[in-house]
Amino acid sequence: MSTSNNAYWKANLRLMFKLLLVWFVVSFGFGILLFDLLNTIQIGGYKLGFWFAQQGSIYVFVALIFIYSRKMAKLDRQFGVEE
């Protein structure tokens, strides 16, 4: 494997790690661990902990898919492997 391939793979892994960390914090942290604390806050008549547990983590996951796609396209151009 060349140096360029290693750099590309490391950049890809860094990006995936960051996005998975965000997904973990939102889904597990906000939806489970901080559920009771977030339920003290209401937005639009709904408790925030309930919102994260039911819908917020799904919205964040979908947003992370689009972010990953955009960032990978940029990474592919940077390393000259775009399709």
PDB file of N, CA and C in Angstrom:
ATOM      1  N   MET A   1       0.850  -1.179   0.000  1.00  0.00           N
ATOM      2  CA  MET A   1       0.000   0.000   0.000  1.00  0.00           C
ATOM      3  C   MET A   1       0.892   1.238   0.000  1.00  0.00           C
ATOM      4  N   SER A   2       0.561   2.188  -0.844  1.00  0.00           N
ATOM      5  CA  SER A   2       1.388   3.382  -0.951  1.00  0.00           C
ATOM      6  C   SER A   2       1.080   4.357   0.190  1.00  0.00           C
ATOM      7  N   THR A   3       1.935   5.350   0.299  1.00  0.00           N
ATOM      8  CA  THR A   3       1.765   6.371   1.334  1.00  0.00           C
ATOM      9  C   THR A   3       0.464   7.130   1.123  1.00  0.00           C
ATOM     10  N   SER A   4       0.130   7.406  -0.138  1.00  0.00           N
ATOM     11  CA  SER A   4      -1.113   8.109  -0.448  1.00  0.00           C
ATOM     12  C   SER A   4      -2.328   7.280  -0.034  1.00  0.00           C
ATOM     13  N   ASN A   5      -2.271   5.983  -0.283  1.00  0.00           N
ATOM     14  CA  ASN A   5      -3.377   5.110   0.125  1.00  0.00           C
ATOM     15  C   ASN A   5      -3.523   5.066   1.635  1.00  0.00           C
ATOM     16  N   ASN A   6      -2.396   5.012   2.339  1.00  0.00           N
ATOM     17  CA  ASN A   6      -2.445   5.007   3.806  1.00  0.00           C
ATOM     18  C   ASN A   6      -3.034   6.302   4.341  1.00  0.00           C
ATOM     19  N   ALA A   7      -2.637   7.423   3.755  1.00  0.00           N
ATOM     20  CA  ALA A   7      -3.151   8.724   4.193  1.00  0.00           C
ATOM     21  C   ALA A   7      -4.654   8.819   3.933  1.00  0.00           C
ATOM     22  N   TYR A   8      -5.086   8.323   2.781  1.00  0.00           N
ATOM     23  CA  TYR A   8      -6.507   8.335   2.440  1.00  0.00           C
ATOM     24  C   TYR A   8      -7.299   7.479   3.440  1.00  0.00           C
ATOM     25  N   TRP A   9      -6.796   6.286   3.718  1.00  0.00           N
ATOM     26  CA  TRP A   9      -7.475   5.383   4.648  1.00  0.00           C
ATOM     27  C   TRP A   9      -7.530   5.969   6.054  1.00  0.00           C
ATOM     28  N   LYS A  10      -6.446   6.584   6.499  1.00  0.00           N
ATOM     29  CA  LYS A  10      -6.431   7.199   7.836  1.00  0.00           C
ATOM     30  C   LYS A  10      -7.410   8.364   7.910  1.00  0.00           C
ATOM     31  N   ALA A  11      -7.483   9.169   6.856  1.00  0.00           N
ATOM     32  CA  ALA A  11      -8.426  10.287   6.828  1.00  0.00           C
ATOM     33  C   ALA A  11      -9.865   9.761   6.851  1.00  0.00           C
ATOM     34  N   ASN A  12     -10.107   8.690   6.118  1.00  0.00           N
ATOM     35  CA  ASN A  12     -11.429   8.073   6.095  1.00  0.00           C
ATOM     36  C   ASN A  12     -11.796   7.546   7.484  1.00  0.00           C
ATOM     37  N   LEU A  13     -10.881   6.864   8.134  1.00  0.00           N
ATOM     38  CA  LEU A  13     -11.138   6.345   9.484  1.00  0.00           C
ATOM     39  C   LEU A  13     -11.373   7.462  10.496  1.00  0.00           C
ATOM     40  N   ARG A  14     -10.610   8.555  10.389  1.00  0.00           N
ATOM     41  CA  ARG A  14     -10.817   9.701  11.290  1.00  0.00           C
ATOM     42  C   ARG A  14     -12.229  10.264  11.117  1.00  0.00           C
ATOM     43  N   LEU A  15     -12.640  10.421   9.866  1.00  0.00           N
ATOM     44  CA  LEU A  15     -13.973  10.942   9.594  1.00  0.00           C
ATOM     45  C   LEU A  15     -15.041  10.010  10.155  1.00  0.00           C
ATOM     46  N   MET A  16     -14.920   8.715   9.898  1.00  0.00           N
ATOM     47  CA  MET A  16     -15.903   7.759  10.411  1.00  0.00           C
ATOM     48  C   MET A  16     -15.938   7.757  11.933  1.00  0.00           C
ATOM     49  N   PHE A  17     -14.776   7.837  12.572  1.00  0.00           N
ATOM     50  CA  PHE A  17     -14.730   7.857  14.030  1.00  0.00           C
ATOM     51  C   PHE A  17     -15.457   9.080  14.577  1.00  0.00           C
ATOM     52  N   LYS A  18     -15.221  10.239  13.985  1.00  0.00           N
ATOM     53  CA  LYS A  18     -15.870  11.462  14.458  1.00  0.00           C
ATOM     54  C   LYS A  18     -17.385  11.385  14.307  1.00  0.00           C
ATOM     55  N   LEU A  19     -17.833  10.897  13.152  1.00  0.00           N
ATOM     56  CA  LEU A  19     -19.274  10.815  12.918  1.00  0.00           C
ATOM     57  C   LEU A  19     -19.925   9.756  13.805  1.00  0.00           C
ATOM     58  N   LEU A  20     -19.247   8.633  14.014  1.00  0.00           N
ATOM     59  CA  LEU A  20     -19.788   7.609  14.907  1.00  0.00           C
ATOM     60  C   LEU A  20     -19.823   8.096  16.352  1.00  0.00           C
ATOM     61  N   LEU A  21     -18.858   8.914  16.733  1.00  0.00           N
ATOM     62  CA  LEU A  21     -18.857   9.483  18.076  1.00  0.00           C
ATOM     63  C   LEU A  21     -20.059  10.401  18.271  1.00  0.00           C
ATOM     64  N   VAL A  22     -20.345  11.234  17.270  1.00  0.00           N
ATOM     65  CA  VAL A  22     -21.525  12.103  17.345  1.00  0.00           C
ATOM     66  C   VAL A  22     -22.788  11.258  17.449  1.00  0.00           C
ATOM     67  N   TRP A  23     -22.882  10.218  16.616  1.00  0.00           N
ATOM     68  CA  TRP A  23     -24.061   9.347  16.633  1.00  0.00           C
ATOM     69  C   TRP A  23     -24.210   8.671  17.997  1.00  0.00           C
ATOM     70  N   PHE A  24     -23.114   8.202  18.583  1.00  0.00           N
ATOM     71  CA  PHE A  24     -23.151   7.557  19.891  1.00  0.00           C
ATOM     72  C   PHE A  24     -23.606   8.532  20.975  1.00  0.00           C
ATOM     73  N   VAL A  25     -23.043   9.734  20.973  1.00  0.00           N
ATOM     74  CA  VAL A  25     -23.400  10.720  21.997  1.00  0.00           C
ATOM     75  C   VAL A  25     -24.880  11.065  21.908  1.00  0.00           C
ATOM     76  N   VAL A  26     -25.366  11.264  20.692  1.00  0.00           N
ATOM     77  CA  VAL A  26     -26.771  11.650  20.527  1.00  0.00           C
ATOM     78  C   VAL A  26     -27.703  10.494  20.870  1.00  0.00           C
ATOM     79  N   SER A  27     -27.429   9.311  20.329  1.00  0.00           N
ATOM     80  CA  SER A  27     -28.369   8.200  20.539  1.00  0.00           C
ATOM     81  C   SER A  27     -28.254   7.596  21.927  1.00  0.00           C
ATOM     82  N   PHE A  28     -27.058   7.263  22.357  1.00  0.00           N
ATOM     83  CA  PHE A  28     -26.890   6.623  23.666  1.00  0.00           C
ATOM     84  C   PHE A  28     -26.837   7.656  24.789  1.00  0.00           C
ATOM     85  N   GLY A  29     -26.047   8.706  24.583  1.00  0.00           N
ATOM     86  CA  GLY A  29     -25.885   9.716  25.627  1.00  0.00           C
ATOM     87  C   GLY A  29     -27.157  10.492  25.900  1.00  0.00           C
ATOM     88  N   PHE A  30     -27.699  11.128  24.847  1.00  0.00           N
ATOM     89  CA  PHE A  30     -28.898  11.951  25.028  1.00  0.00           C
ATOM     90  C   PHE A  30     -30.152  11.101  25.170  1.00  0.00           C
ATOM     91  N   GLY A  31     -30.233  10.012  24.433  1.00  0.00           N
ATOM     92  CA  GLY A  31     -31.446   9.198  24.436  1.00  0.00           C
ATOM     93  C   GLY A  31     -31.578   8.267  25.621  1.00  0.00           C
ATOM     94  N   ILE A  32     -30.446   7.910  26.262  1.00  0.00           N
ATOM     95  CA  ILE A  32     -30.503   6.949  27.368  1.00  0.00           C
ATOM     96  C   ILE A  32     -29.899   7.521  28.653  1.00  0.00           C
ATOM     97  N   LEU A  33     -28.626   7.897  28.593  1.00  0.00           N
ATOM     98  CA  LEU A  33     -27.939   8.322  29.816  1.00  0.00           C
ATOM     99  C   LEU A  33     -28.458   9.650  30.366  1.00  0.00           C
ATOM    100  N   LEU A  34     -28.695  10.610  29.500  1.00  0.00           N
ATOM    101  CA  LEU A  34     -29.130  11.937  29.950  1.00  0.00           C
ATOM    102  C   LEU A  34     -30.629  12.151  29.771  1.00  0.00           C
ATOM    103  N   PHE A  35     -31.364  11.057  29.593  1.00  0.00           N
ATOM    104  CA  PHE A  35     -32.799  11.112  29.330  1.00  0.00           C
ATOM    105  C   PHE A  35     -33.539  11.915  30.401  1.00  0.00           C
ATOM    106  N   ASP A  36     -33.331  11.579  31.659  1.00  0.00           N
ATOM    107  CA  ASP A  36     -34.056  12.251  32.748  1.00  0.00           C
ATOM    108  C   ASP A  36     -33.689  13.725  32.852  1.00  0.00           C
ATOM    109  N   LEU A  37     -32.410  14.025  32.696  1.00  0.00           N
ATOM    110  CA  LEU A  37     -31.966  15.418  32.762  1.00  0.00           C
ATOM    111  C   LEU A  37     -32.572  16.236  31.619  1.00  0.00           C
ATOM    112  N   LEU A  38     -32.568  15.674  30.414  1.00  0.00           N
ATOM    113  CA  LEU A  38     -33.114  16.391  29.265  1.00  0.00           C
ATOM    114  C   LEU A  38     -34.632  16.513  29.323  1.00  0.00           C
ATOM    115  N   ASN A  39     -35.289  15.628  30.044  1.00  0.00           N
ATOM    116  CA  ASN A  39     -36.745  15.718  30.172  1.00  0.00           C
ATOM    117  C   ASN A  39     -37.192  16.922  30.986  1.00  0.00           C
ATOM    118  N   THR A  40     -36.286  17.582  31.674  1.00  0.00           N
ATOM    119  CA  THR A  40     -36.646  18.804  32.404  1.00  0.00           C
ATOM    120  C   THR A  40     -36.793  19.986  31.452  1.00  0.00           C
ATOM    121  N   ILE A  41     -36.351  19.826  30.210  1.00  0.00           N
ATOM    122  CA  ILE A  41     -36.442  20.882  29.198  1.00  0.00           C
ATOM    123  C   ILE A  41     -37.553  20.505  28.219  1.00  0.00           C
ATOM    124  N   GLN A  42     -38.434  21.457  27.956  1.00  0.00           N
ATOM    125  CA  GLN A  42     -39.505  21.210  26.994  1.00  0.00           C
ATOM    126  C   GLN A  42     -39.358  22.137  25.804  1.00  0.00           C
ATOM    127  N   ILE A  43     -39.522  21.566  24.617  1.00  0.00           N
ATOM    128  CA  ILE A  43     -39.501  22.349  23.379  1.00  0.00           C
ATOM    129  C   ILE A  43     -40.740  21.953  22.586  1.00  0.00           C
ATOM    130  N   GLY A  44     -41.572  22.916  22.286  1.00  0.00           N
ATOM    131  CA  GLY A  44     -42.782  22.644  21.520  1.00  0.00           C
ATOM    132  C   GLY A  44     -43.744  21.714  22.233  1.00  0.00           C
ATOM    133  N   GLY A  45     -43.729  21.706  23.555  1.00  0.00           N
ATOM    134  CA  GLY A  45     -44.633  20.863  24.317  1.00  0.00           C
ATOM    135  C   GLY A  45     -44.122  19.447  24.557  1.00  0.00           C
ATOM    136  N   TYR A  46     -42.965  19.121  24.006  1.00  0.00           N
ATOM    137  CA  TYR A  46     -42.403  17.781  24.183  1.00  0.00           C
ATOM    138  C   TYR A  46     -41.151  17.848  25.040  1.00  0.00           C
ATOM    139  N   LYS A  47     -40.974  16.844  25.866  1.00  0.00           N
ATOM    140  CA  LYS A  47     -39.767  16.773  26.686  1.00  0.00           C
ATOM    141  C   LYS A  47     -38.588  16.435  25.788  1.00  0.00           C
ATOM    142  N   LEU A  48     -37.480  17.118  26.000  1.00  0.00           N
ATOM    143  CA  LEU A  48     -36.320  16.979  25.119  1.00  0.00           C
ATOM    144  C   LEU A  48     -35.722  15.574  25.169  1.00  0.00           C
ATOM    145  N   GLY A  49     -35.679  14.949  26.315  1.00  0.00           N
ATOM    146  CA  GLY A  49     -35.158  13.581  26.417  1.00  0.00           C
ATOM    147  C   GLY A  49     -35.983  12.603  25.612  1.00  0.00           C
ATOM    148  N   PHE A  50     -37.307  12.760  25.685  1.00  0.00           N
ATOM    149  CA  PHE A  50     -38.202  11.904  24.899  1.00  0.00           C
ATOM    150  C   PHE A  50     -37.969  12.135  23.411  1.00  0.00           C
ATOM    151  N   TRP A  51     -37.829  13.406  23.016  1.00  0.00           N
ATOM    152  CA  TRP A  51     -37.623  13.724  21.602  1.00  0.00           C
ATOM    153  C   TRP A  51     -36.346  13.079  21.076  1.00  0.00           C
ATOM    154  N   PHE A  52     -35.240  13.186  21.824  1.00  0.00           N
ATOM    155  CA  PHE A  52     -33.986  12.567  21.395  1.00  0.00           C
ATOM    156  C   PHE A  52     -34.114  11.053  21.310  1.00  0.00           C
ATOM    157  N   ALA A  53     -34.784  10.461  22.279  1.00  0.00           N
ATOM    158  CA  ALA A  53     -34.920   9.003  22.293  1.00  0.00           C
ATOM    159  C   ALA A  53     -35.786   8.516  21.141  1.00  0.00           C
ATOM    160  N   GLN A  54     -36.803   9.270  20.762  1.00  0.00           N
ATOM    161  CA  GLN A  54     -37.746   8.810  19.748  1.00  0.00           C
ATOM    162  C   GLN A  54     -37.416   9.283  18.336  1.00  0.00           C
ATOM    163  N   GLN A  55     -37.028  10.552  18.185  1.00  0.00           N
ATOM    164  CA  GLN A  55     -36.857  11.086  16.840  1.00  0.00           C
ATOM    165  C   GLN A  55     -35.528  11.786  16.621  1.00  0.00           C
ATOM    166  N   GLY A  56     -35.025  12.432  17.624  1.00  0.00           N
ATOM    167  CA  GLY A  56     -33.818  13.233  17.457  1.00  0.00           C
ATOM    168  C   GLY A  56     -32.627  12.444  16.973  1.00  0.00           C
ATOM    169  N   SER A  57     -32.430  11.261  17.524  1.00  0.00           N
ATOM    170  CA  SER A  57     -31.285  10.452  17.113  1.00  0.00           C
ATOM    171  C   SER A  57     -31.438   9.984  15.663  1.00  0.00           C
ATOM    172  N   ILE A  58     -32.667   9.759  15.213  1.00  0.00           N
ATOM    173  CA  ILE A  58     -32.892   9.369  13.823  1.00  0.00           C
ATOM    174  C   ILE A  58     -32.570  10.531  12.895  1.00  0.00           C
ATOM    175  N   TYR A  59     -33.023  11.730  13.236  1.00  0.00           N
ATOM    176  CA  TYR A  59     -32.721  12.915  12.420  1.00  0.00           C
ATOM    177  C   TYR A  59     -31.218  13.154  12.349  1.00  0.00           C
ATOM    178  N   VAL A  60     -30.555  13.016  13.473  1.00  0.00           N
ATOM    179  CA  VAL A  60     -29.102  13.211  13.494  1.00  0.00           C
ATOM    180  C   VAL A  60     -28.422  12.151  12.643  1.00  0.00           C
ATOM    181  N   PHE A  61     -28.881  10.905  12.705  1.00  0.00           N
ATOM    182  CA  PHE A  61     -28.291   9.835  11.903  1.00  0.00           C
ATOM    183  C   PHE A  61     -28.436  10.133  10.414  1.00  0.00           C
ATOM    184  N   VAL A  62     -29.606  10.571   9.978  1.00  0.00           N
ATOM    185  CA  VAL A  62     -29.813  10.912   8.565  1.00  0.00           C
ATOM    186  C   VAL A  62     -28.915  12.086   8.167  1.00  0.00           C
ATOM    187  N   ALA A  63     -28.800  13.078   9.033  1.00  0.00           N
ATOM    188  CA  ALA A  63     -27.914  14.211   8.747  1.00  0.00           C
ATOM    189  C   ALA A  63     -26.466  13.745   8.633  1.00  0.00           C
ATOM    190  N   LEU A  64     -26.055  12.807   9.485  1.00  0.00           N
ATOM    191  CA  LEU A  64     -24.684  12.294   9.428  1.00  0.00           C
ATOM    192  C   LEU A  64     -24.416  11.550   8.125  1.00  0.00           C
ATOM    193  N   ILE A  65     -25.426  10.898   7.560  1.00  0.00           N
ATOM    194  CA  ILE A  65     -25.252  10.238   6.267  1.00  0.00           C
ATOM    195  C   ILE A  65     -24.914  11.264   5.195  1.00  0.00           C
ATOM    196  N   PHE A  66     -25.644  12.378   5.169  1.00  0.00           N
ATOM    197  CA  PHE A  66     -25.371  13.426   4.185  1.00  0.00           C
ATOM    198  C   PHE A  66     -24.017  14.090   4.428  1.00  0.00           C
ATOM    199  N   ILE A  67     -23.678  14.317   5.687  1.00  0.00           N
ATOM    200  CA  ILE A  67     -22.373  14.895   6.017  1.00  0.00           C
ATOM    201  C   ILE A  67     -21.257  13.964   5.570  1.00  0.00           C
ATOM    202  N   TYR A  68     -21.416  12.659   5.827  1.00  0.00           N
ATOM    203  CA  TYR A  68     -20.404  11.686   5.413  1.00  0.00           C
ATOM    204  C   TYR A  68     -20.241  11.679   3.898  1.00  0.00           C
ATOM    205  N   SER A  69     -21.346  11.716   3.188  1.00  0.00           N
ATOM    206  CA  SER A  69     -21.289  11.718   1.732  1.00  0.00           C
ATOM    207  C   SER A  69     -20.550  12.947   1.202  1.00  0.00           C
ATOM    208  N   ARG A  70     -20.872  14.106   1.736  1.00  0.00           N
ATOM    209  CA  ARG A  70     -20.215  15.345   1.295  1.00  0.00           C
ATOM    210  C   ARG A  70     -18.727  15.342   1.637  1.00  0.00           C
ATOM    211  N   LYS A  71     -18.405  14.930   2.857  1.00  0.00           N
ATOM    212  CA  LYS A  71     -16.999  14.911   3.289  1.00  0.00           C
ATOM    213  C   LYS A  71     -16.185  13.886   2.507  1.00  0.00           C
ATOM    214  N   MET A  72     -16.786  12.721   2.201  1.00  0.00           N
ATOM    215  CA  MET A  72     -16.061  11.703   1.441  1.00  0.00           C
ATOM    216  C   MET A  72     -15.834  12.150   0.001  1.00  0.00           C
ATOM    217  N   ALA A  73     -16.792  12.869  -0.585  1.00  0.00           N
ATOM    218  CA  ALA A  73     -16.591  13.393  -1.937  1.00  0.00           C
ATOM    219  C   ALA A  73     -15.417  14.366  -1.945  1.00  0.00           C
ATOM    220  N   LYS A  74     -15.337  15.188  -0.916  1.00  0.00           N
ATOM    221  CA  LYS A  74     -14.216  16.135  -0.798  1.00  0.00           C
ATOM    222  C   LYS A  74     -12.904  15.378  -0.593  1.00  0.00           C
ATOM    223  N   LEU A  75     -12.918  14.353   0.233  1.00  0.00           N
ATOM    224  CA  LEU A  75     -11.732  13.555   0.490  1.00  0.00           C
ATOM    225  C   LEU A  75     -11.287  12.818  -0.771  1.00  0.00           C
ATOM    226  N   ASP A  76     -12.257  12.287  -1.511  1.00  0.00           N
ATOM    227  CA  ASP A  76     -11.934  11.603  -2.762  1.00  0.00           C
ATOM    228  C   ASP A  76     -11.269  12.551  -3.765  1.00  0.00           C
ATOM    229  N   ARG A  77     -11.797  13.776  -3.873  1.00  0.00           N
ATOM    230  CA  ARG A  77     -11.172  14.762  -4.772  1.00  0.00           C
ATOM    231  C   ARG A  77      -9.772  15.109  -4.313  1.00  0.00           C
ATOM    232  N   GLN A  78      -9.603  15.238  -3.003  1.00  0.00           N
ATOM    233  CA  GLN A  78      -8.304  15.606  -2.448  1.00  0.00           C
ATOM    234  C   GLN A  78      -7.248  14.546  -2.775  1.00  0.00           C
ATOM    235  N   PHE A  79      -7.631  13.279  -2.767  1.00  0.00           N
ATOM    236  CA  PHE A  79      -6.677  12.205  -3.020  1.00  0.00           C
ATOM    237  C   PHE A  79      -6.760  11.678  -4.456  1.00  0.00           C
ATOM    238  N   GLY A  80      -7.586  12.306  -5.285  1.00  0.00           N
ATOM    239  CA  GLY A  80      -7.659  11.943  -6.687  1.00  0.00           C
ATOM    240  C   GLY A  80      -8.265  10.574  -6.957  1.00  0.00           C
ATOM    241  N   VAL A  81      -9.239  10.180  -6.170  1.00  0.00           N
ATOM    242  CA  VAL A  81      -9.888   8.876  -6.373  1.00  0.00           C
ATOM    243  C   VAL A  81     -11.392   9.032  -6.615  1.00  0.00           C
ATOM    244  N   GLU A  82     -11.820  10.234  -7.020  1.00  0.00           N
ATOM    245  CA  GLU A  82     -13.252  10.431  -7.258  1.00  0.00           C
ATOM    246  C   GLU A  82     -13.708   9.671  -8.489  1.00  0.00           C
ATOM    247  N   GLU A  83     -14.994   9.368  -8.507  1.00  0.00           N
ATOM    248  CA  GLU A  83     -15.551   8.602  -9.622  1.00  0.00           C
ATOM    249  C   GLU A  83     -16.120   9.510 -10.665  1.00  0.00           C
TER     250      GLU A  83
END
